[in-house]
Amino acid sequence: MIRLYASEMSGNAHKVRMALAFLGFAWDERATDAAARQSDAFRAINPMAQIPAYVEDDFVLRDSQAILAFLAARHRPGEWDGHSPEERGAIMVWLSHSANEIFNGPALLRAERLFGWSVDTARAQAVTDRILPIVEAHLAARDWLVGDRLTIADLAASPYLALAPDGGIDLEQWPAIRDWTRRIAALPDFPAMPGWPAEGGA
């Protein structure tokens, strides 16, 4: 049985939740709040004291991007992680953007508003102002970030962009990003989360 240590509001955890749902897997989700992450028991699973953490039998993996890469390589090789060196490289660009600009921009603005994080707001806004036009332009003429299908690039990059309104970002000003997140939310088995509802599978 797969165990996923997560929290309902975590966009990083939702990346893995989406992958598992789209793969059709069952998993045991363990709600892991900030206090639980500091426990010795959880630090034995993830010494970084962060979520998500993925456990399957004796295999333990931390970091949402790493977990996505593992799930793709094991269960959707090629389809989710690239059929060619060019696709694999392009996918890695978006995994990097997800961990860097998207997290340090839109995700931090959301964390400040929803959770009271102490954030350098001006810097987070500047990062947001830099990355959103890049994503918008990239998606203007395509349905998915890489290739003609969903990949782990989409799974990694989408949650904190779909949740950007929680940070005061109006996605109506970014229609390509808005439509892409809705496209993902319309996929069969999409797992809704607060701030990112399912689109009815249409």
Protein backbone atom coordinates (compact mmCIF):
# COMPACT_ATOMS: atom_id res chain seq x y z
CA MET A 1 0.00 0.00 0.00
CA ILE A 2 1.20 3.48 -0.87
CA ARG A 3 1.30 5.99 1.97
CA LEU A 4 1.33 9.69 1.16
CA TYR A 5 2.19 12.13 3.92
CA ALA A 6 0.48 15.35 2.91
CA SER A 7 -1.89 18.13 3.86
CA GLU A 8 -5.13 19.12 2.20
CA MET A 9 -3.96 22.62 1.28
CA SER A 10 -0.48 21.78 0.00
CA GLY A 11 0.00 22.33 -3.71
CA ASN A 12 3.17 20.26 -3.59
CA ALA A 13 1.29 17.33 -2.09
CA HIS A 14 -1.42 17.79 -4.70
CA LYS A 15 1.08 17.19 -7.48
CA VAL A 16 1.56 13.66 -6.18
CA ARG A 17 -2.13 13.23 -5.38
CA MET A 18 -2.97 14.01 -9.02
CA ALA A 19 -0.40 11.56 -10.32
CA LEU A 20 -1.71 8.76 -8.12
CA ALA A 21 -5.31 9.51 -9.04
CA PHE A 22 -4.58 9.63 -12.77
CA LEU A 23 -2.70 6.34 -12.47
CA GLY A 24 -5.78 4.82 -10.86
CA PHE A 25 -3.98 3.91 -7.65
CA ALA A 26 -5.36 3.71 -4.15
CA TRP A 27 -3.28 5.25 -1.40
CA ASP A 28 -3.40 5.86 2.32
CA GLU A 29 -3.09 9.60 2.86
CA ARG A 30 -1.69 10.61 6.22
CA ALA A 31 -2.58 14.16 7.21
CA THR A 32 0.70 15.65 8.39
CA ASP A 33 0.52 19.11 9.91
CA ALA A 34 3.42 21.39 10.82
CA ALA A 35 3.73 19.94 14.32
CA ALA A 36 3.75 16.35 13.07
CA ARG A 37 6.52 17.19 10.60
CA GLN A 38 8.82 18.04 13.50
CA SER A 39 8.36 14.66 15.17
CA ASP A 40 11.15 12.12 15.27
CA ALA A 41 8.86 9.62 13.55
CA PHE A 42 8.29 11.88 10.56
CA ARG A 43 11.90 13.05 10.40
CA ALA A 44 12.86 9.39 10.05
CA ILE A 45 10.79 9.43 6.86
CA ASN A 46 11.89 12.86 5.67
CA PRO A 47 14.78 14.53 7.50
CA MET A 48 13.84 17.78 5.74
CA ALA A 49 10.56 17.74 7.74
CA GLN A 50 8.58 18.61 4.61
CA ILE A 51 5.62 17.19 2.74
CA PRO A 52 4.91 15.36 0.58
CA ALA A 53 6.63 12.14 1.49
CA TYR A 54 5.93 8.92 -0.41
CA VAL A 55 6.26 5.47 1.14
CA GLU A 56 5.69 2.20 -0.70
CA ASP A 57 6.71 -0.91 1.20
CA ASP A 58 10.34 -0.20 2.17
CA PHE A 59 10.83 2.51 -0.44
CA VAL A 60 10.74 6.11 0.79
CA LEU A 61 10.98 9.21 -1.39
CA ARG A 62 10.67 12.90 -0.62
CA ASP A 63 10.23 16.01 -2.79
CA SER A 64 7.23 16.33 -5.09
CA GLN A 65 9.28 16.67 -8.28
CA ALA A 66 11.31 13.57 -7.43
CA ILE A 67 8.17 11.59 -6.64
CA LEU A 68 6.62 12.59 -9.96
CA ALA A 69 9.77 11.53 -11.81
CA PHE A 70 9.72 8.17 -10.01
CA LEU A 71 6.04 7.52 -10.73
CA ALA A 72 6.48 8.44 -14.39
CA ALA A 73 9.54 6.23 -14.85
CA ARG A 74 7.85 3.29 -13.17
CA HIS A 75 4.30 3.55 -14.50
CA ARG A 76 4.19 5.88 -17.55
CA PRO A 77 7.69 5.80 -19.05
CA GLY A 78 7.90 7.98 -22.13
CA GLU A 79 4.29 9.13 -21.93
CA TRP A 80 4.77 11.16 -18.75
CA ASP A 81 8.53 11.78 -18.68
CA GLY A 82 9.38 12.22 -22.36
CA HIS A 83 9.74 10.08 -25.45
CA SER A 84 12.95 11.75 -26.61
CA PRO A 85 15.93 13.56 -25.09
CA GLU A 86 14.37 16.80 -26.29
CA GLU A 87 11.08 16.12 -24.51
CA ARG A 88 12.84 14.96 -21.36
CA GLY A 89 14.91 18.12 -21.30
CA ALA A 90 11.84 20.31 -21.83
CA ILE A 91 10.01 18.52 -19.03
CA MET A 92 12.93 19.11 -16.68
CA VAL A 93 12.76 22.84 -17.43
CA TRP A 94 9.20 22.91 -16.09
CA LEU A 95 10.03 20.82 -13.05
CA SER A 96 12.76 23.37 -12.31
CA HIS A 97 10.36 26.30 -12.81
CA SER A 98 7.91 24.58 -10.47
CA ALA A 99 10.45 24.27 -7.66
CA ASN A 100 11.89 27.72 -8.21
CA GLU A 101 9.93 30.55 -9.85
CA ILE A 102 6.43 29.15 -9.38
CA PHE A 103 7.05 28.29 -5.75
CA ASN A 104 8.96 31.47 -4.94
CA GLY A 105 6.37 33.62 -6.68
CA PRO A 106 2.69 32.59 -6.78
CA ALA A 107 3.00 29.89 -4.10
CA LEU A 108 4.60 32.23 -1.57
CA LEU A 109 2.03 34.96 -2.23
CA ARG A 110 -0.66 32.37 -1.49
CA ALA A 111 1.12 31.15 1.65
CA GLU A 112 1.38 34.69 2.94
CA ARG A 113 -2.34 35.37 2.49
CA LEU A 114 -3.73 31.99 3.57
CA PHE A 115 -1.27 30.84 6.21
CA GLY A 116 0.40 34.00 7.45
CA TRP A 117 3.87 33.05 6.28
CA SER A 118 6.51 35.73 6.63
CA VAL A 119 7.34 36.47 3.01
CA ASP A 120 9.37 39.06 1.13
CA THR A 121 6.26 40.19 -0.69
CA ALA A 122 8.02 42.48 -3.12
CA ARG A 123 10.42 39.74 -4.19
CA ALA A 124 7.62 37.16 -4.49
CA GLN A 125 5.62 39.59 -6.61
CA ALA A 126 8.64 40.32 -8.81
CA VAL A 127 9.22 36.60 -9.37
CA THR A 128 5.52 36.19 -10.17
CA ASP A 129 5.62 39.07 -12.63
CA ARG A 130 8.55 37.40 -14.38
CA ILE A 131 7.23 33.84 -14.62
CA LEU A 132 3.53 34.35 -15.45
CA PRO A 133 4.14 35.99 -18.86
CA ILE A 134 6.52 33.16 -19.74
CA VAL A 135 3.97 30.47 -18.89
CA GLU A 136 1.15 32.39 -20.58
CA ALA A 137 3.11 32.82 -23.82
CA HIS A 138 4.16 29.17 -23.80
CA LEU A 139 0.57 27.95 -23.39
CA ALA A 140 -0.98 30.42 -25.83
CA ALA A 141 -0.71 28.02 -28.77
CA ARG A 142 -0.71 24.63 -27.04
CA ASP A 143 -2.81 22.54 -24.67
CA TRP A 144 0.03 21.05 -22.60
CA LEU A 145 3.43 22.27 -21.48
CA VAL A 146 5.40 19.62 -23.38
CA GLY A 147 4.26 17.61 -26.37
CA ASP A 148 0.63 16.77 -27.16
CA ARG A 149 -0.36 15.18 -23.86
CA LEU A 150 -0.29 15.50 -20.10
CA THR A 151 3.18 14.96 -18.65
CA ILE A 152 4.75 15.45 -15.25
CA ALA A 153 5.59 18.97 -16.42
CA ASP A 154 1.86 19.77 -16.17
CA LEU A 155 1.47 17.92 -12.87
CA ALA A 156 4.41 19.79 -11.35
CA ALA A 157 3.63 23.28 -12.59
CA SER A 158 -0.15 23.45 -12.37
CA PRO A 159 -1.20 23.40 -8.70
CA TYR A 160 0.31 26.66 -7.52
CA LEU A 161 -0.78 28.38 -10.74
CA ALA A 162 -4.34 27.08 -10.41
CA LEU A 163 -4.28 28.26 -6.79
CA ALA A 164 -2.78 31.65 -7.66
CA PRO A 165 -6.07 33.49 -6.99
CA ASP A 166 -5.59 32.61 -3.31
CA GLY A 167 -2.53 34.85 -3.49
CA GLY A 168 -4.36 37.74 -5.09
CA ILE A 169 -3.61 36.88 -8.73
CA ASP A 170 -6.50 37.22 -11.17
CA LEU A 171 -6.26 34.36 -13.65
CA GLU A 172 -8.73 36.12 -15.92
CA GLN A 173 -5.73 38.24 -16.88
CA TRP A 174 -3.88 35.05 -17.84
CA PRO A 175 -6.43 33.17 -20.00
CA ALA A 176 -4.04 30.54 -21.36
CA ILE A 177 -2.96 29.58 -17.84
CA ARG A 178 -6.58 29.66 -16.65
CA ASP A 179 -7.75 27.40 -19.47
CA TRP A 180 -4.85 24.97 -18.98
CA THR A 181 -5.61 24.53 -15.28
CA ARG A 182 -9.27 23.99 -16.13
CA ARG A 183 -8.26 21.45 -18.77
CA ILE A 184 -6.38 19.48 -16.12
CA ALA A 185 -9.29 19.77 -13.69
CA ALA A 186 -11.60 18.34 -16.36
CA LEU A 187 -9.59 15.13 -16.73
CA PRO A 188 -11.24 11.94 -15.48
CA ASP A 189 -10.34 11.17 -11.84
CA PHE A 190 -9.01 14.66 -11.15
CA PRO A 191 -8.84 15.02 -7.35
CA ALA A 192 -10.28 18.38 -6.36
CA MET A 193 -8.73 20.40 -3.56
CA PRO A 194 -9.78 23.63 -1.83
CA GLY A 195 -9.27 26.42 -4.35
CA TRP A 196 -9.09 24.07 -7.36
CA PRO A 197 -12.40 22.35 -8.08
CA ALA A 198 -12.98 19.65 -10.65
CA GLU A 199 -14.46 20.79 -13.95
CA GLY A 200 -16.91 17.92 -14.25
CA GLY A 201 -14.75 15.72 -16.47
CA ALA A 202 -15.95 17.49 -19.61
